[in-house]
Protein backbone atom coordinates (compact mmCIF):
# COMPACT_ATOMS: atom_id res chain seq x y z
CA UNK A 1 0.12 -152.63 138.74
CA UNK A 2 -3.56 -151.56 140.71
CA UNK A 3 -4.51 -154.60 140.81
CA UNK A 4 -1.55 -155.55 143.16
CA UNK A 5 -2.05 -152.92 144.94
CA UNK A 6 -5.67 -153.39 146.52
CA UNK A 7 -4.55 -156.35 148.42
CA UNK A 8 -1.99 -154.46 150.34
CA UNK A 9 -4.64 -152.33 151.19
CA UNK A 10 -6.87 -154.34 152.38
CA UNK A 11 -4.37 -156.47 154.21
CA UNK A 12 -3.17 -152.93 156.02
CA UNK A 13 -6.59 -152.58 157.26
CA UNK A 14 -7.28 -155.40 159.26
CA UNK A 15 -4.06 -154.66 161.31
CA UNK A 16 -5.72 -153.33 164.73
CA UNK A 17 -4.64 -150.07 165.51
CA UNK A 18 -5.21 -148.66 168.81
CA UNK A 19 -8.34 -145.90 169.52
CA UNK A 20 -7.57 -142.63 170.51
CA UNK A 21 -9.36 -143.91 173.60
CA UNK A 22 -6.64 -146.18 174.59
CA UNK A 23 -4.30 -143.38 174.17
CA UNK A 24 -6.82 -140.76 176.44
CA UNK A 25 -7.02 -143.10 178.75
CA UNK A 26 -3.15 -144.00 179.33
CA UNK A 27 -2.57 -140.46 179.06
CA UNK A 28 -4.78 -139.97 182.01
CA UNK A 29 -3.25 -142.33 184.14
CA UNK A 30 -0.08 -141.02 184.00
CA UNK A 31 -0.96 -136.97 184.13
CA UNK A 32 -2.81 -138.23 187.22
CA UNK A 33 -0.22 -140.25 188.64
CA UNK A 34 2.34 -137.73 187.99
CA UNK A 35 0.54 -134.77 189.30
CA UNK A 36 -0.80 -136.79 191.85
CA UNK A 37 2.90 -137.40 193.21
CA UNK A 38 3.84 -133.79 193.01
CA UNK A 39 0.95 -132.76 194.62
CA UNK A 40 1.53 -135.36 197.95
CA UNK A 41 5.18 -134.00 197.74
CA UNK A 42 3.68 -130.31 198.58
CA UNK A 43 1.10 -131.29 200.65
CA UNK A 44 3.58 -132.99 203.17
CA UNK A 45 7.00 -130.68 201.89
CA UNK A 46 7.85 -130.64 205.62
CA UNK A 47 7.74 -134.21 206.04
CA UNK A 48 9.57 -134.73 202.67
CA UNK A 49 11.91 -131.56 203.77
CA UNK A 50 13.40 -133.47 207.37
CA UNK A 51 13.55 -136.65 205.40
CA UNK A 52 15.83 -135.33 203.14
CA UNK A 53 17.36 -133.71 206.07
CA UNK A 54 18.08 -135.99 208.93
CA UNK A 55 20.52 -138.87 208.42
CA UNK A 56 18.66 -141.77 210.40
CA UNK A 57 15.10 -141.18 210.55
CA UNK A 58 14.07 -144.51 212.06
CA UNK A 59 16.26 -142.83 215.45
CA UNK A 60 13.96 -139.88 215.58
CA UNK A 61 10.78 -142.10 214.97
CA UNK A 62 8.26 -139.98 217.28
CA UNK A 63 9.30 -136.65 215.60
CA UNK A 64 8.25 -137.81 211.76
CA UNK A 65 5.37 -139.21 212.74
CA UNK A 66 3.97 -136.41 214.01
CA UNK A 67 4.96 -134.80 211.09
CA UNK A 68 2.84 -137.85 209.09
CA UNK A 69 0.14 -136.36 210.23
CA UNK A 70 -0.12 -134.11 207.17
CA UNK A 71 -0.75 -137.21 204.44
CA UNK A 72 -4.33 -138.15 205.72
CA UNK A 73 -5.89 -134.78 204.14
CA UNK A 74 -3.32 -135.47 200.85
CA UNK A 75 -4.70 -138.78 200.55
CA UNK A 76 -8.17 -137.33 200.76
CA UNK A 77 -7.06 -135.43 197.95
CA UNK A 78 -4.89 -138.51 195.78
CA UNK A 79 -8.18 -140.80 196.37
CA UNK A 80 -10.67 -137.82 195.14
CA UNK A 81 -8.36 -137.39 191.75
CA UNK A 82 -8.30 -141.70 191.62
CA UNK A 83 -11.85 -141.32 191.74
CA UNK A 84 -12.04 -138.69 189.47
CA UNK A 85 -10.67 -140.21 187.01
CA UNK A 86 -12.62 -144.07 187.50
CA UNK A 87 -15.80 -141.65 186.60
CA UNK A 88 -14.72 -139.27 184.08
CA UNK A 89 -12.13 -141.36 181.81
CA UNK A 90 -9.94 -138.68 179.60
CA UNK A 91 -11.60 -135.67 180.90
CA UNK A 92 -9.81 -135.77 184.06
CA UNK A 93 -8.33 -133.12 186.13
CA UNK A 94 -6.03 -134.28 188.24
CA UNK A 95 -4.97 -131.02 189.98
CA UNK A 96 -8.27 -129.49 190.18
CA UNK A 97 -9.73 -132.92 191.65
CA UNK A 98 -6.86 -133.51 194.28
CA UNK A 99 -7.79 -129.67 195.43
CA UNK A 100 -11.29 -129.99 195.79
CA UNK A 101 -11.31 -133.50 197.27
CA UNK A 102 -8.72 -132.58 199.99
CA UNK A 103 -10.10 -129.09 200.44
CA UNK A 104 -13.78 -130.79 200.89
CA UNK A 105 -12.32 -133.99 203.40
CA UNK A 106 -9.65 -132.24 205.22
CA UNK A 107 -11.21 -131.53 208.31
CA UNK A 108 -12.14 -135.60 208.47
CA UNK A 109 -9.28 -137.11 206.90
CA UNK A 110 -7.57 -134.24 209.31
CA UNK A 111 -9.19 -135.81 212.72
CA UNK A 112 -8.24 -139.75 211.15
CA UNK A 113 -4.84 -138.77 210.75
CA UNK A 114 -4.53 -136.65 214.35
CA UNK A 115 -6.14 -140.07 215.92
CA UNK A 116 -3.63 -142.33 213.71
CA UNK A 117 -0.91 -140.74 215.31
CA UNK A 118 -2.03 -140.88 218.75
CA UNK A 119 -2.78 -144.32 218.62
CA UNK A 120 0.47 -145.17 216.45
CA UNK A 121 3.18 -142.63 219.43
CA UNK A 122 0.82 -144.70 222.44
CA UNK A 123 1.43 -148.45 220.87
CA UNK A 124 5.00 -147.13 219.93
CA UNK A 125 6.16 -146.27 223.41
CA UNK A 126 4.60 -148.90 224.57
CA UNK A 127 6.43 -151.49 222.63
CA UNK A 128 10.06 -149.55 223.56
CA UNK A 129 8.82 -150.27 227.27
CA UNK A 130 7.65 -153.92 227.08
CA UNK A 131 10.59 -155.34 225.23
CA UNK A 132 11.98 -155.59 228.46
CA UNK A 133 9.66 -157.55 230.32
CA UNK A 134 9.56 -160.62 230.74
CA UNK A 135 5.96 -161.08 228.32
CA UNK A 136 7.33 -159.45 225.91
CA UNK A 137 7.26 -162.11 223.68
CA UNK A 138 3.08 -161.83 223.70
CA UNK A 139 2.90 -158.43 224.24
CA UNK A 140 5.11 -157.49 221.01
CA UNK A 141 2.86 -159.25 218.47
CA UNK A 142 -0.27 -158.01 220.21
CA UNK A 143 1.08 -154.11 219.94
CA UNK A 144 2.32 -155.01 216.44
CA UNK A 145 -1.01 -156.20 214.95
CA UNK A 146 -2.72 -153.33 216.99
CA UNK A 147 -0.93 -150.51 215.26
CA UNK A 148 -1.28 -152.56 211.61
CA UNK A 149 -4.95 -152.41 212.33
CA UNK A 150 -5.00 -148.57 213.16
CA UNK A 151 -2.57 -147.85 209.76
CA UNK A 152 -5.18 -149.74 207.67
CA UNK A 153 -8.44 -148.40 209.03
CA UNK A 154 -7.01 -144.93 208.92
CA UNK A 155 -6.36 -145.84 205.21
CA UNK A 156 -9.47 -147.16 204.79
CA UNK A 157 -11.54 -144.90 206.13
CA UNK A 158 -9.65 -141.70 204.38
CA UNK A 159 -10.78 -143.59 201.39
CA UNK A 160 -14.49 -143.98 201.92
CA UNK A 161 -13.78 -139.79 202.28
CA UNK A 162 -13.54 -139.74 199.18
CA UNK A 163 -15.61 -142.23 198.33
CA UNK A 164 -18.86 -140.83 200.64
CA UNK A 165 -18.36 -136.72 201.31
CA UNK A 166 -20.89 -137.27 202.98
CA UNK A 167 -20.91 -139.66 205.40
CA UNK A 168 -20.01 -138.11 208.75
CA UNK A 169 -16.72 -139.58 210.41
CA UNK A 170 -17.59 -141.83 212.95
CA UNK A 171 -19.75 -144.31 210.78
CA UNK A 172 -16.62 -144.13 208.34
CA UNK A 173 -14.55 -145.21 210.86
CA UNK A 174 -17.23 -148.30 211.52
CA UNK A 175 -17.26 -148.93 208.35
CA UNK A 176 -13.54 -149.53 207.64
CA UNK A 177 -12.73 -151.19 210.53
CA UNK A 178 -15.44 -153.88 209.46
CA UNK A 179 -14.25 -153.76 205.99
CA UNK A 180 -10.27 -153.96 207.04
CA UNK A 181 -10.99 -157.12 209.30
CA UNK A 182 -13.65 -158.57 206.43
CA UNK A 183 -11.22 -157.81 203.84
CA UNK A 184 -8.02 -158.94 205.91
CA UNK A 185 -5.98 -159.80 202.64
CA UNK A 186 -6.57 -156.83 201.08
CA UNK A 187 -5.70 -155.00 204.27
CA UNK A 188 -2.07 -156.48 204.24
CA UNK A 189 -1.97 -156.15 200.79
CA UNK A 190 -2.74 -152.85 201.38
CA UNK A 191 0.76 -152.80 204.43
CA UNK A 192 2.66 -153.66 202.27
CA UNK A 193 2.08 -151.26 199.61
CA UNK A 194 2.67 -148.51 202.62
CA UNK A 195 5.42 -150.10 203.40
CA UNK A 196 7.50 -150.24 199.90
CA UNK A 197 6.40 -146.40 199.68
CA UNK A 198 7.57 -145.58 202.94
CA UNK A 199 11.02 -147.61 202.29
CA UNK A 200 11.57 -146.01 198.97
CA UNK A 201 11.32 -142.57 200.74
CA UNK A 202 13.60 -143.48 203.76
CA UNK A 203 16.10 -144.32 201.25
CA UNK A 204 15.72 -142.01 198.81
CA UNK A 205 13.56 -139.08 200.10
CA UNK A 206 13.41 -137.43 196.99
CA UNK A 207 13.10 -139.94 194.00
CA UNK A 208 11.00 -142.16 196.25
CA UNK A 209 8.73 -139.22 196.92
CA UNK A 210 8.47 -138.14 193.00
CA UNK A 211 8.65 -141.77 191.86
CA UNK A 212 6.43 -144.35 193.71
CA UNK A 213 3.38 -143.45 195.87
CA UNK A 214 0.99 -142.81 193.20
CA UNK A 215 0.62 -145.60 191.49
CA UNK A 216 0.72 -147.78 194.59
CA UNK A 217 -1.64 -145.47 196.29
CA UNK A 218 -4.20 -146.03 193.05
CA UNK A 219 -4.45 -149.84 193.88
CA UNK A 220 -4.52 -148.72 197.67
CA UNK A 221 -7.73 -146.87 196.26
CA UNK A 222 -8.82 -149.30 194.16
CA UNK A 223 -8.82 -152.12 196.64
CA UNK A 224 -10.91 -149.66 199.15
CA UNK A 225 -13.47 -149.32 196.58
CA UNK A 226 -13.73 -152.43 196.10
CA UNK A 227 -13.81 -153.64 199.68
CA UNK A 228 -16.50 -150.80 200.58
CA UNK A 229 -19.01 -152.03 197.16
CA UNK A 230 -18.49 -155.57 198.29
CA UNK A 231 -19.94 -155.11 201.86
CA UNK A 232 -22.37 -152.73 201.03
CA UNK A 233 -23.80 -154.66 197.82
CA UNK A 234 -26.97 -156.88 198.77
CA UNK A 235 -27.91 -160.57 198.78
CA UNK A 236 -30.29 -159.88 195.61
CA UNK A 237 -27.07 -157.89 193.47
CA UNK A 238 -25.21 -161.23 193.85
CA UNK A 239 -27.20 -162.97 191.68
């Protein structure tokens, strides 16, 4: 009986089992995503509340666009939590990382948000005006591309706020513009993901904000991190 039991133990010993690091990493991601969604909702509570109360937010787009000026500072906090997750692994503290990133990046990200909102309001009014003009077929695509580039550059610059805490705002905007154009496919993917988040928030404000943003924004941040890293890589680093 003892000789028959030994092979069973040997077979069981060869079955791979996930280590504690794997479970810790999974828990770190889930915890960061859940905490990030809650903190994003709290930081943008006026926007979330109005989305839940107003029947047709699209009809009141200037009002909601103005309210969205609170989004960039909260994004800087969330991106800081993602950076801590990447750097610290299972030792991550998403709430503390979010609050620290929000506080340190507030001034630069808030200025980015105000500038982006002002530009989008201007472009939105122009779009409404030119639709009745003979040159609408030419002007509407130009305005749409300008609006898309404004969003991409703003979000990329906010990611830069978290990635490069000591960088100046002017330098971040220039770098974000360069990276957004150079890696246009990443900008396009970013806009698609942001569109999904916006659609979820419009259709189901509470569930959309509670479930959708953080996992999709993690992809946005990862792409932004890669784009900045690729742009800063020297020719010697590629060999």
